[in-house]
Amino acid sequence: SAAGTQGARDGDAVWGDTAARGCTAAVVFAAGACLVMLGFLATMDME
């Protein structure tokens, strides 16, 4: 029975890795967008 569940665990690990990469990328993109918005705020009074 351990061999039968091992395959499922490997599949979950691959899915978990993909989900972790996706979530990390989303956070990195959100941080980049926040920096651009901060740039808009930094020059709002200048314009």
All heavy atoms as atom14 arrays in JSON, in Angstrom:
{
  "sequence": "SAAGTQGARDGDAVWGDTAARGCTAAVVFAAGACLVMLGFLATMDME",
  "atom14_mask": [
    [1, 1, 1, 1, 1, 1, 0, 0, 0, 0, 0, 0, 0, 0],
    [1, 1, 1, 1, 1, 0, 0, 0, 0, 0, 0, 0, 0, 0],
    [1, 1, 1, 1, 1, 0, 0, 0, 0, 0, 0, 0, 0, 0],
    [1, 1, 1, 1, 0, 0, 0, 0, 0, 0, 0, 0, 0, 0],
    [1, 1, 1, 1, 1, 1, 1, 0, 0, 0, 0, 0, 0, 0],
    [1, 1, 1, 1, 1, 1, 1, 1, 1, 0, 0, 0, 0, 0],
    [1, 1, 1, 1, 0, 0, 0, 0, 0, 0, 0, 0, 0, 0],
    [1, 1, 1, 1, 1, 0, 0, 0, 0, 0, 0, 0, 0, 0],
    [1, 1, 1, 1, 1, 1, 1, 1, 1, 1, 1, 0, 0, 0],
    [1, 1, 1, 1, 1, 1, 1, 1, 0, 0, 0, 0, 0, 0],
    [1, 1, 1, 1, 0, 0, 0, 0, 0, 0, 0, 0, 0, 0],
    [1, 1, 1, 1, 1, 1, 1, 1, 0, 0, 0, 0, 0, 0],
    [1, 1, 1, 1, 1, 0, 0, 0, 0, 0, 0, 0, 0, 0],
    [1, 1, 1, 1, 1, 1, 1, 0, 0, 0, 0, 0, 0, 0],
    [1, 1, 1, 1, 1, 1, 1, 1, 1, 1, 1, 1, 1, 1],
    [1, 1, 1, 1, 0, 0, 0, 0, 0, 0, 0, 0, 0, 0],
    [1, 1, 1, 1, 1, 1, 1, 1, 0, 0, 0, 0, 0, 0],
    [1, 1, 1, 1, 1, 1, 1, 0, 0, 0, 0, 0, 0, 0],
    [1, 1, 1, 1, 1, 0, 0, 0, 0, 0, 0, 0, 0, 0],
    [1, 1, 1, 1, 1, 0, 0, 0, 0, 0, 0, 0, 0, 0],
    [1, 1, 1, 1, 1, 1, 1, 1, 1, 1, 1, 0, 0, 0],
    [1, 1, 1, 1, 0, 0, 0, 0, 0, 0, 0, 0, 0, 0],
    [1, 1, 1, 1, 1, 1, 0, 0, 0, 0, 0, 0, 0, 0],
    [1, 1, 1, 1, 1, 1, 1, 0, 0, 0, 0, 0, 0, 0],
    [1, 1, 1, 1, 1, 0, 0, 0, 0, 0, 0, 0, 0, 0],
    [1, 1, 1, 1, 1, 0, 0, 0, 0, 0, 0, 0, 0, 0],
    [1, 1, 1, 1, 1, 1, 1, 0, 0, 0, 0, 0, 0, 0],
    [1, 1, 1, 1, 1, 1, 1, 0, 0, 0, 0, 0, 0, 0],
    [1, 1, 1, 1, 1, 1, 1, 1, 1, 1, 1, 0, 0, 0],
    [1, 1, 1, 1, 1, 0, 0, 0, 0, 0, 0, 0, 0, 0],
    [1, 1, 1, 1, 1, 0, 0, 0, 0, 0, 0, 0, 0, 0],
    [1, 1, 1, 1, 0, 0, 0, 0, 0, 0, 0, 0, 0, 0],
    [1, 1, 1, 1, 1, 0, 0, 0, 0, 0, 0, 0, 0, 0],
    [1, 1, 1, 1, 1, 1, 0, 0, 0, 0, 0, 0, 0, 0],
    [1, 1, 1, 1, 1, 1, 1, 1, 0, 0, 0, 0, 0, 0],
    [1, 1, 1, 1, 1, 1, 1, 0, 0, 0, 0, 0, 0, 0],
    [1, 1, 1, 1, 1, 1, 1, 1, 0, 0, 0, 0, 0, 0],
    [1, 1, 1, 1, 1, 1, 1, 1, 0, 0, 0, 0, 0, 0],
    [1, 1, 1, 1, 0, 0, 0, 0, 0, 0, 0, 0, 0, 0],
    [1, 1, 1, 1, 1, 1, 1, 1, 1, 1, 1, 0, 0, 0],
    [1, 1, 1, 1, 1, 1, 1, 1, 0, 0, 0, 0, 0, 0],
    [1, 1, 1, 1, 1, 0, 0, 0, 0, 0, 0, 0, 0, 0],
    [1, 1, 1, 1, 1, 1, 1, 0, 0, 0, 0, 0, 0, 0],
    [1, 1, 1, 1, 1, 1, 1, 1, 0, 0, 0, 0, 0, 0],
    [1, 1, 1, 1, 1, 1, 1, 1, 0, 0, 0, 0, 0, 0],
    [1, 1, 1, 1, 1, 1, 1, 1, 0, 0, 0, 0, 0, 0],
    [1, 1, 1, 1, 1, 1, 1, 1, 1, 0, 0, 0, 0, 0]
  ],
  "atom14_positions": [
    [[0.82, -1.21, 0.0], [0.0, 0.0, 0.0], [0.86, 1.27, 0.0], [0.44, 2.3, -0.49], [-0.94, 0.0, 1.2], [-0.18, 0.03, 2.4], [0.0, 0.0, 0.0], [0.0, 0.0, 0.0], [0.0, 0.0, 0.0], [0.0, 0.0, 0.0], [0.0, 0.0, 0.0], [0.0, 0.0, 0.0], [0.0, 0.0, 0.0], [0.0, 0.0, 0.0]],
    [[2.07, 1.19, 0.53], [2.94, 2.38, 0.55], [3.35, 2.76, -0.88], [3.44, 3.94, -1.21], [4.17, 2.11, 1.4], [0.0, 0.0, 0.0], [0.0, 0.0, 0.0], [0.0, 0.0, 0.0], [0.0, 0.0, 0.0], [0.0, 0.0, 0.0], [0.0, 0.0, 0.0], [0.0, 0.0, 0.0], [0.0, 0.0, 0.0], [0.0, 0.0, 0.0]],
    [[3.57, 1.78, -1.73], [3.95, 2.06, -3.11], [2.78, 2.69, -3.87], [2.98, 3.54, -4.72], [4.42, 0.79, -3.81], [0.0, 0.0, 0.0], [0.0, 0.0, 0.0], [0.0, 0.0, 0.0], [0.0, 0.0, 0.0], [0.0, 0.0, 0.0], [0.0, 0.0, 0.0], [0.0, 0.0, 0.0], [0.0, 0.0, 0.0], [0.0, 0.0, 0.0]],
    [[1.57, 2.28, -3.55], [0.41, 2.84, -4.21], [0.18, 4.29, -3.84], [-0.23, 5.09, -4.66], [0.0, 0.0, 0.0], [0.0, 0.0, 0.0], [0.0, 0.0, 0.0], [0.0, 0.0, 0.0], [0.0, 0.0, 0.0], [0.0, 0.0, 0.0], [0.0, 0.0, 0.0], [0.0, 0.0, 0.0], [0.0, 0.0, 0.0], [0.0, 0.0, 0.0]],
    [[0.46, 4.66, -2.63], [0.26, 6.05, -2.23], [1.47, 6.91, -2.57], [1.35, 8.12, -2.64], [-0.01, 6.15, -0.72], [1.1, 5.59, -0.02], [-1.28, 5.44, -0.36], [0.0, 0.0, 0.0], [0.0, 0.0, 0.0], [0.0, 0.0, 0.0], [0.0, 0.0, 0.0], [0.0, 0.0, 0.0], [0.0, 0.0, 0.0], [0.0, 0.0, 0.0]],
    [[2.61, 6.3, -2.8], [3.8, 7.09, -3.12], [3.63, 7.84, -4.43], [4.03, 8.99, -4.54], [5.04, 6.18, -3.2], [6.34, 6.94, -3.39], [6.68, 7.84, -2.22], [6.35, 7.53, -1.09], [7.3, 8.96, -2.5], [0.0, 0.0, 0.0], [0.0, 0.0, 0.0], [0.0, 0.0, 0.0], [0.0, 0.0, 0.0], [0.0, 0.0, 0.0]],
    [[3.0, 7.21, -5.42], [2.78, 7.88, -6.68], [1.88, 9.1, -6.52], [2.11, 10.14, -7.12], [0.0, 0.0, 0.0], [0.0, 0.0, 0.0], [0.0, 0.0, 0.0], [0.0, 0.0, 0.0], [0.0, 0.0, 0.0], [0.0, 0.0, 0.0], [0.0, 0.0, 0.0], [0.0, 0.0, 0.0], [0.0, 0.0, 0.0], [0.0, 0.0, 0.0]],
    [[0.88, 8.99, -5.69], [-0.01, 10.12, -5.45], [0.73, 11.24, -4.73], [0.54, 12.41, -5.0], [-1.22, 9.68, -4.64], [0.0, 0.0, 0.0], [0.0, 0.0, 0.0], [0.0, 0.0, 0.0], [0.0, 0.0, 0.0], [0.0, 0.0, 0.0], [0.0, 0.0, 0.0], [0.0, 0.0, 0.0], [0.0, 0.0, 0.0], [0.0, 0.0, 0.0]],
    [[1.6, 10.87, -3.82], [2.37, 11.9, -3.1], [3.32, 12.61, -4.05], [3.52, 13.82, -3.94], [3.14, 11.26, -1.95], [2.25, 10.88, -0.82], [3.05, 10.37, 0.34], [2.15, 9.9, 1.38], [2.44, 8.99, 2.26], [3.63, 8.41, 2.23], [1.57, 8.63, 3.17], [0.0, 0.0, 0.0], [0.0, 0.0, 0.0], [0.0, 0.0, 0.0]],
    [[3.94, 11.89, -4.98], [4.83, 12.55, -5.94], [4.05, 13.53, -6.81], [4.51, 14.62, -7.09], [5.53, 11.52, -6.83], [6.6, 10.75, -6.06], [7.0, 11.22, -4.98], [7.01, 9.68, -6.55], [0.0, 0.0, 0.0], [0.0, 0.0, 0.0], [0.0, 0.0, 0.0], [0.0, 0.0, 0.0], [0.0, 0.0, 0.0], [0.0, 0.0, 0.0]],
    [[2.85, 13.15, -7.22], [2.02, 14.04, -8.01], [1.62, 15.28, -7.22], [1.6, 16.39, -7.73], [0.0, 0.0, 0.0], [0.0, 0.0, 0.0], [0.0, 0.0, 0.0], [0.0, 0.0, 0.0], [0.0, 0.0, 0.0], [0.0, 0.0, 0.0], [0.0, 0.0, 0.0], [0.0, 0.0, 0.0], [0.0, 0.0, 0.0], [0.0, 0.0, 0.0]],
    [[1.31, 15.09, -5.94], [0.97, 16.23, -5.08], [2.17, 17.15, -4.91], [2.03, 18.36, -4.85], [0.48, 15.76, -3.72], [-0.89, 15.1, -3.8], [-1.57, 15.3, -4.82], [-1.25, 14.39, -2.84], [0.0, 0.0, 0.0], [0.0, 0.0, 0.0], [0.0, 0.0, 0.0], [0.0, 0.0, 0.0], [0.0, 0.0, 0.0], [0.0, 0.0, 0.0]],
    [[3.38, 16.57, -4.81], [4.58, 17.38, -4.65], [4.83, 18.23, -5.89], [5.19, 19.39, -5.79], [5.79, 16.49, -4.36], [0.0, 0.0, 0.0], [0.0, 0.0, 0.0], [0.0, 0.0, 0.0], [0.0, 0.0, 0.0], [0.0, 0.0, 0.0], [0.0, 0.0, 0.0], [0.0, 0.0, 0.0], [0.0, 0.0, 0.0], [0.0, 0.0, 0.0]],
    [[4.61, 17.65, -7.06], [4.79, 18.42, -8.3], [3.75, 19.52, -8.38], [4.06, 20.67, -8.71], [4.69, 17.48, -9.53], [4.62, 18.28, -10.81], [5.86, 16.53, -9.54], [0.0, 0.0, 0.0], [0.0, 0.0, 0.0], [0.0, 0.0, 0.0], [0.0, 0.0, 0.0], [0.0, 0.0, 0.0], [0.0, 0.0, 0.0], [0.0, 0.0, 0.0]],
    [[2.49, 19.21, -8.05], [1.46, 20.24, -8.07], [1.75, 21.31, -7.04], [1.59, 22.5, -7.3], [0.09, 19.6, -7.8], [-1.0, 20.61, -7.94], [-1.64, 20.94, -9.08], [-1.56, 21.44, -6.91], [-2.57, 21.93, -8.84], [-2.54, 22.25, -7.51], [-1.32, 21.57, -5.55], [-3.28, 23.17, -6.79], [-2.07, 22.5, -4.85], [-3.03, 23.29, -5.46]],
    [[2.21, 20.91, -5.86], [2.55, 21.86, -4.8], [3.69, 22.77, -5.22], [3.68, 23.96, -4.92], [0.0, 0.0, 0.0], [0.0, 0.0, 0.0], [0.0, 0.0, 0.0], [0.0, 0.0, 0.0], [0.0, 0.0, 0.0], [0.0, 0.0, 0.0], [0.0, 0.0, 0.0], [0.0, 0.0, 0.0], [0.0, 0.0, 0.0], [0.0, 0.0, 0.0]],
    [[4.68, 22.22, -5.94], [5.79, 23.03, -6.42], [5.31, 24.04, -7.44], [5.7, 25.21, -7.42], [6.87, 22.12, -7.02], [8.08, 22.9, -7.49], [8.58, 23.71, -6.7], [8.5, 22.69, -8.64], [0.0, 0.0, 0.0], [0.0, 0.0, 0.0], [0.0, 0.0, 0.0], [0.0, 0.0, 0.0], [0.0, 0.0, 0.0], [0.0, 0.0, 0.0]],
    [[4.43, 23.61, -8.33], [3.88, 24.51, -9.34], [3.05, 25.61, -8.68], [3.15, 26.78, -9.07], [3.02, 23.73, -10.34], [3.82, 22.7, -10.91], [2.49, 24.62, -11.43], [0.0, 0.0, 0.0], [0.0, 0.0, 0.0], [0.0, 0.0, 0.0], [0.0, 0.0, 0.0], [0.0, 0.0, 0.0], [0.0, 0.0, 0.0], [0.0, 0.0, 0.0]],
    [[2.25, 25.25, -7.7], [1.44, 26.24, -6.99], [2.32, 27.23, -6.24], [2.05, 28.44, -6.24], [0.49, 25.55, -6.03], [0.0, 0.0, 0.0], [0.0, 0.0, 0.0], [0.0, 0.0, 0.0], [0.0, 0.0, 0.0], [0.0, 0.0, 0.0], [0.0, 0.0, 0.0], [0.0, 0.0, 0.0], [0.0, 0.0, 0.0], [0.0, 0.0, 0.0]],
    [[3.39, 26.73, -5.63], [4.3, 27.62, -4.9], [4.99, 28.58, -5.86], [5.13, 29.78, -5.56], [5.33, 26.8, -4.14], [0.0, 0.0, 0.0], [0.0, 0.0, 0.0], [0.0, 0.0, 0.0], [0.0, 0.0, 0.0], [0.0, 0.0, 0.0], [0.0, 0.0, 0.0], [0.0, 0.0, 0.0], [0.0, 0.0, 0.0], [0.0, 0.0, 0.0]],
    [[5.39, 28.09, -7.02], [6.01, 28.97, -8.02], [5.02, 30.02, -8.5], [5.36, 31.19, -8.65], [6.51, 28.17, -9.21], [7.78, 27.42, -8.96], [8.14, 26.62, -10.22], [9.44, 26.05, -10.11], [10.56, 26.64, -10.53], [10.49, 27.81, -11.12], [11.72, 26.07, -10.39], [0.0, 0.0, 0.0], [0.0, 0.0, 0.0], [0.0, 0.0, 0.0]],
    [[3.79, 29.61, -8.74], [2.77, 30.55, -9.2], [2.46, 31.62, -8.17], [2.35, 32.8, -8.5], [0.0, 0.0, 0.0], [0.0, 0.0, 0.0], [0.0, 0.0, 0.0], [0.0, 0.0, 0.0], [0.0, 0.0, 0.0], [0.0, 0.0, 0.0], [0.0, 0.0, 0.0], [0.0, 0.0, 0.0], [0.0, 0.0, 0.0], [0.0, 0.0, 0.0]],
    [[2.36, 31.22, -6.91], [2.08, 32.19, -5.84], [3.26, 33.14, -5.65], [3.07, 34.34, -5.46], [1.76, 31.47, -4.54], [0.17, 30.63, -4.57], [0.0, 0.0, 0.0], [0.0, 0.0, 0.0], [0.0, 0.0, 0.0], [0.0, 0.0, 0.0], [0.0, 0.0, 0.0], [0.0, 0.0, 0.0], [0.0, 0.0, 0.0], [0.0, 0.0, 0.0]],
    [[4.47, 32.6, -5.71], [5.65, 33.45, -5.59], [5.72, 34.45, -6.74], [6.0, 35.63, -6.53], [6.93, 32.59, -5.57], [6.84, 31.66, -4.49], [8.17, 33.45, -5.41], [0.0, 0.0, 0.0], [0.0, 0.0, 0.0], [0.0, 0.0, 0.0], [0.0, 0.0, 0.0], [0.0, 0.0, 0.0], [0.0, 0.0, 0.0], [0.0, 0.0, 0.0]],
    [[5.44, 33.99, -7.94], [5.45, 34.89, -9.1], [4.37, 35.97, -8.95], [4.62, 37.13, -9.28], [5.23, 34.1, -10.38], [0.0, 0.0, 0.0], [0.0, 0.0, 0.0], [0.0, 0.0, 0.0], [0.0, 0.0, 0.0], [0.0, 0.0, 0.0], [0.0, 0.0, 0.0], [0.0, 0.0, 0.0], [0.0, 0.0, 0.0], [0.0, 0.0, 0.0]],
    [[3.21, 35.6, -8.44], [2.14, 36.58, -8.25], [2.56, 37.66, -7.24], [2.3, 38.85, -7.46], [0.87, 35.89, -7.78], [0.0, 0.0, 0.0], [0.0, 0.0, 0.0], [0.0, 0.0, 0.0], [0.0, 0.0, 0.0], [0.0, 0.0, 0.0], [0.0, 0.0, 0.0], [0.0, 0.0, 0.0], [0.0, 0.0, 0.0], [0.0, 0.0, 0.0]],
    [[3.22, 37.26, -6.19], [3.7, 38.22, -5.19], [4.76, 39.13, -5.79], [4.77, 40.35, -5.57], [4.23, 37.48, -3.93], [4.99, 38.42, -3.02], [3.08, 36.83, -3.2], [0.0, 0.0, 0.0], [0.0, 0.0, 0.0], [0.0, 0.0, 0.0], [0.0, 0.0, 0.0], [0.0, 0.0, 0.0], [0.0, 0.0, 0.0], [0.0, 0.0, 0.0]],
    [[5.66, 38.57, -6.6], [6.71, 39.36, -7.23], [6.11, 40.36, -8.22], [6.5, 41.53, -8.24], [7.75, 38.44, -7.91], [8.71, 39.21, -8.77], [8.51, 37.64, -6.86], [0.0, 0.0, 0.0], [0.0, 0.0, 0.0], [0.0, 0.0, 0.0], [0.0, 0.0, 0.0], [0.0, 0.0, 0.0], [0.0, 0.0, 0.0], [0.0, 0.0, 0.0]],
    [[5.14, 39.93, -9.02], [4.48, 40.84, -9.95], [3.72, 41.93, -9.19], [3.72, 43.09, -9.59], [3.52, 40.09, -10.87], [4.22, 39.38, -11.99], [4.01, 38.02, -12.18], [5.07, 40.04, -12.85], [4.64, 37.35, -13.21], [5.7, 39.38, -13.88], [5.5, 38.03, -14.06], [0.0, 0.0, 0.0], [0.0, 0.0, 0.0], [0.0, 0.0, 0.0]],
    [[3.06, 41.57, -8.11], [2.32, 42.56, -7.31], [3.28, 43.59, -6.7], [2.97, 44.79, -6.66], [1.52, 41.87, -6.21], [0.0, 0.0, 0.0], [0.0, 0.0, 0.0], [0.0, 0.0, 0.0], [0.0, 0.0, 0.0], [0.0, 0.0, 0.0], [0.0, 0.0, 0.0], [0.0, 0.0, 0.0], [0.0, 0.0, 0.0], [0.0, 0.0, 0.0]],
    [[4.44, 43.13, -6.25], [5.44, 44.06, -5.71], [5.93, 45.02, -6.8], [6.1, 46.22, -6.55], [6.61, 43.29, -5.11], [0.0, 0.0, 0.0], [0.0, 0.0, 0.0], [0.0, 0.0, 0.0], [0.0, 0.0, 0.0], [0.0, 0.0, 0.0], [0.0, 0.0, 0.0], [0.0, 0.0, 0.0], [0.0, 0.0, 0.0], [0.0, 0.0, 0.0]],
    [[6.13, 44.51, -8.01], [6.53, 45.37, -9.12], [5.47, 46.4, -9.45], [5.77, 47.57, -9.68], [0.0, 0.0, 0.0], [0.0, 0.0, 0.0], [0.0, 0.0, 0.0], [0.0, 0.0, 0.0], [0.0, 0.0, 0.0], [0.0, 0.0, 0.0], [0.0, 0.0, 0.0], [0.0, 0.0, 0.0], [0.0, 0.0, 0.0], [0.0, 0.0, 0.0]],
    [[4.21, 45.98, -9.46], [3.12, 46.92, -9.74], [3.01, 47.97, -8.64], [2.76, 49.15, -8.92], [1.8, 46.15, -9.87], [0.0, 0.0, 0.0], [0.0, 0.0, 0.0], [0.0, 0.0, 0.0], [0.0, 0.0, 0.0], [0.0, 0.0, 0.0], [0.0, 0.0, 0.0], [0.0, 0.0, 0.0], [0.0, 0.0, 0.0], [0.0, 0.0, 0.0]],
    [[3.24, 47.57, -7.39], [3.21, 48.53, -6.29], [4.33, 49.56, -6.42], [4.14, 50.74, -6.11], [3.31, 47.81, -4.95], [1.79, 46.97, -4.49], [0.0, 0.0, 0.0], [0.0, 0.0, 0.0], [0.0, 0.0, 0.0], [0.0, 0.0, 0.0], [0.0, 0.0, 0.0], [0.0, 0.0, 0.0], [0.0, 0.0, 0.0], [0.0, 0.0, 0.0]],
    [[5.5, 49.13, -6.9], [6.59, 50.08, -7.1], [6.25, 51.09, -8.18], [6.56, 52.28, -8.06], [7.87, 49.33, -7.46], [8.57, 48.61, -6.31], [9.79, 47.86, -6.83], [8.97, 49.57, -5.23], [0.0, 0.0, 0.0], [0.0, 0.0, 0.0], [0.0, 0.0, 0.0], [0.0, 0.0, 0.0], [0.0, 0.0, 0.0], [0.0, 0.0, 0.0]],
    [[5.61, 50.65, -9.25], [5.21, 51.58, -10.31], [4.17, 52.56, -9.76], [4.25, 53.77, -10.03], [4.68, 50.82, -11.54], [4.15, 51.79, -12.58], [5.77, 49.96, -12.14], [0.0, 0.0, 0.0], [0.0, 0.0, 0.0], [0.0, 0.0, 0.0], [0.0, 0.0, 0.0], [0.0, 0.0, 0.0], [0.0, 0.0, 0.0], [0.0, 0.0, 0.0]],
    [[3.21, 52.08, -8.99], [2.21, 52.97, -8.4], [2.85, 53.95, -7.43], [2.46, 55.11, -7.36], [1.13, 52.16, -7.69], [0.26, 51.37, -8.62], [-0.54, 52.47, -9.79], [-0.8, 51.36, -11.13], [0.0, 0.0, 0.0], [0.0, 0.0, 0.0], [0.0, 0.0, 0.0], [0.0, 0.0, 0.0], [0.0, 0.0, 0.0], [0.0, 0.0, 0.0]],
    [[3.85, 53.5, -6.71], [4.59, 54.4, -5.82], [5.29, 55.48, -6.63], [5.37, 56.64, -6.22], [5.6, 53.61, -4.98], [6.36, 54.38, -3.93], [5.42, 54.93, -2.88], [7.4, 53.49, -3.28], [0.0, 0.0, 0.0], [0.0, 0.0, 0.0], [0.0, 0.0, 0.0], [0.0, 0.0, 0.0], [0.0, 0.0, 0.0], [0.0, 0.0, 0.0]],
    [[5.77, 55.11, -7.82], [6.37, 56.1, -8.72], [5.35, 57.13, -9.18], [5.67, 58.31, -9.32], [0.0, 0.0, 0.0], [0.0, 0.0, 0.0], [0.0, 0.0, 0.0], [0.0, 0.0, 0.0], [0.0, 0.0, 0.0], [0.0, 0.0, 0.0], [0.0, 0.0, 0.0], [0.0, 0.0, 0.0], [0.0, 0.0, 0.0], [0.0, 0.0, 0.0]],
    [[4.11, 56.7, -9.42], [3.06, 57.66, -9.77], [2.8, 58.62, -8.61], [2.65, 59.82, -8.8], [1.76, 56.95, -10.14], [1.71, 56.48, -11.56], [1.83, 55.14, -11.86], [1.54, 57.38, -12.59], [1.77, 54.7, -13.16], [1.48, 56.96, -13.9], [1.59, 55.61, -14.19], [0.0, 0.0, 0.0], [0.0, 0.0, 0.0], [0.0, 0.0, 0.0]],
    [[2.75, 58.08, -7.4], [2.5, 58.92, -6.24], [3.66, 59.89, -5.98], [3.43, 61.0, -5.51], [2.26, 58.05, -5.01], [0.96, 57.27, -4.98], [0.92, 56.34, -3.78], [-0.22, 58.21, -4.96], [0.0, 0.0, 0.0], [0.0, 0.0, 0.0], [0.0, 0.0, 0.0], [0.0, 0.0, 0.0], [0.0, 0.0, 0.0], [0.0, 0.0, 0.0]],
    [[4.87, 59.47, -6.29], [6.05, 60.31, -6.02], [6.06, 61.56, -6.89], [6.62, 62.58, -6.49], [7.32, 59.5, -6.25], [0.0, 0.0, 0.0], [0.0, 0.0, 0.0], [0.0, 0.0, 0.0], [0.0, 0.0, 0.0], [0.0, 0.0, 0.0], [0.0, 0.0, 0.0], [0.0, 0.0, 0.0], [0.0, 0.0, 0.0], [0.0, 0.0, 0.0]],
    [[5.47, 61.51, -8.06], [5.5, 62.67, -8.96], [4.15, 63.31, -9.16], [4.03, 64.18, -10.01], [6.07, 62.26, -10.33], [5.25, 61.25, -10.89], [7.5, 61.82, -10.23], [0.0, 0.0, 0.0], [0.0, 0.0, 0.0], [0.0, 0.0, 0.0], [0.0, 0.0, 0.0], [0.0, 0.0, 0.0], [0.0, 0.0, 0.0], [0.0, 0.0, 0.0]],
    [[3.17, 62.91, -8.41], [1.83, 63.46, -8.63], [1.82, 64.97, -8.44], [1.26, 65.7, -9.25], [0.83, 62.8, -7.69], [-0.6, 63.13, -8.02], [-1.74, 62.23, -6.99], [-1.48, 60.56, -7.55], [0.0, 0.0, 0.0], [0.0, 0.0, 0.0], [0.0, 0.0, 0.0], [0.0, 0.0, 0.0], [0.0, 0.0, 0.0], [0.0, 0.0, 0.0]],
    [[2.44, 65.47, -7.39], [2.43, 66.91, -7.17], [3.35, 67.64, -8.15], [3.14, 68.79, -8.47], [2.82, 67.24, -5.73], [4.26, 66.89, -5.41], [4.77, 65.93, -6.02], [4.87, 67.56, -4.58], [0.0, 0.0, 0.0], [0.0, 0.0, 0.0], [0.0, 0.0, 0.0], [0.0, 0.0, 0.0], [0.0, 0.0, 0.0], [0.0, 0.0, 0.0]],
    [[4.37, 66.94, -8.68], [5.28, 67.55, -9.64], [4.57, 67.84, -10.96], [4.9, 68.77, -11.67], [6.47, 66.62, -9.88], [7.58, 67.21, -10.7], [8.99, 66.13, -10.77], [8.55, 65.09, -12.15], [0.0, 0.0, 0.0], [0.0, 0.0, 0.0], [0.0, 0.0, 0.0], [0.0, 0.0, 0.0], [0.0, 0.0, 0.0], [0.0, 0.0, 0.0]],
    [[3.57, 67.05, -11.29], [2.87, 67.18, -12.56], [1.66, 68.09, -12.49], [0.99, 68.31, -13.48], [2.44, 65.79, -13.04], [3.62, 64.89, -13.33], [3.21, 63.46, -13.56], [2.02, 63.13, -13.42], [4.09, 62.65, -13.87], [0.0, 0.0, 0.0], [0.0, 0.0, 0.0], [0.0, 0.0, 0.0], [0.0, 0.0, 0.0], [0.0, 0.0, 0.0]]
  ]
}
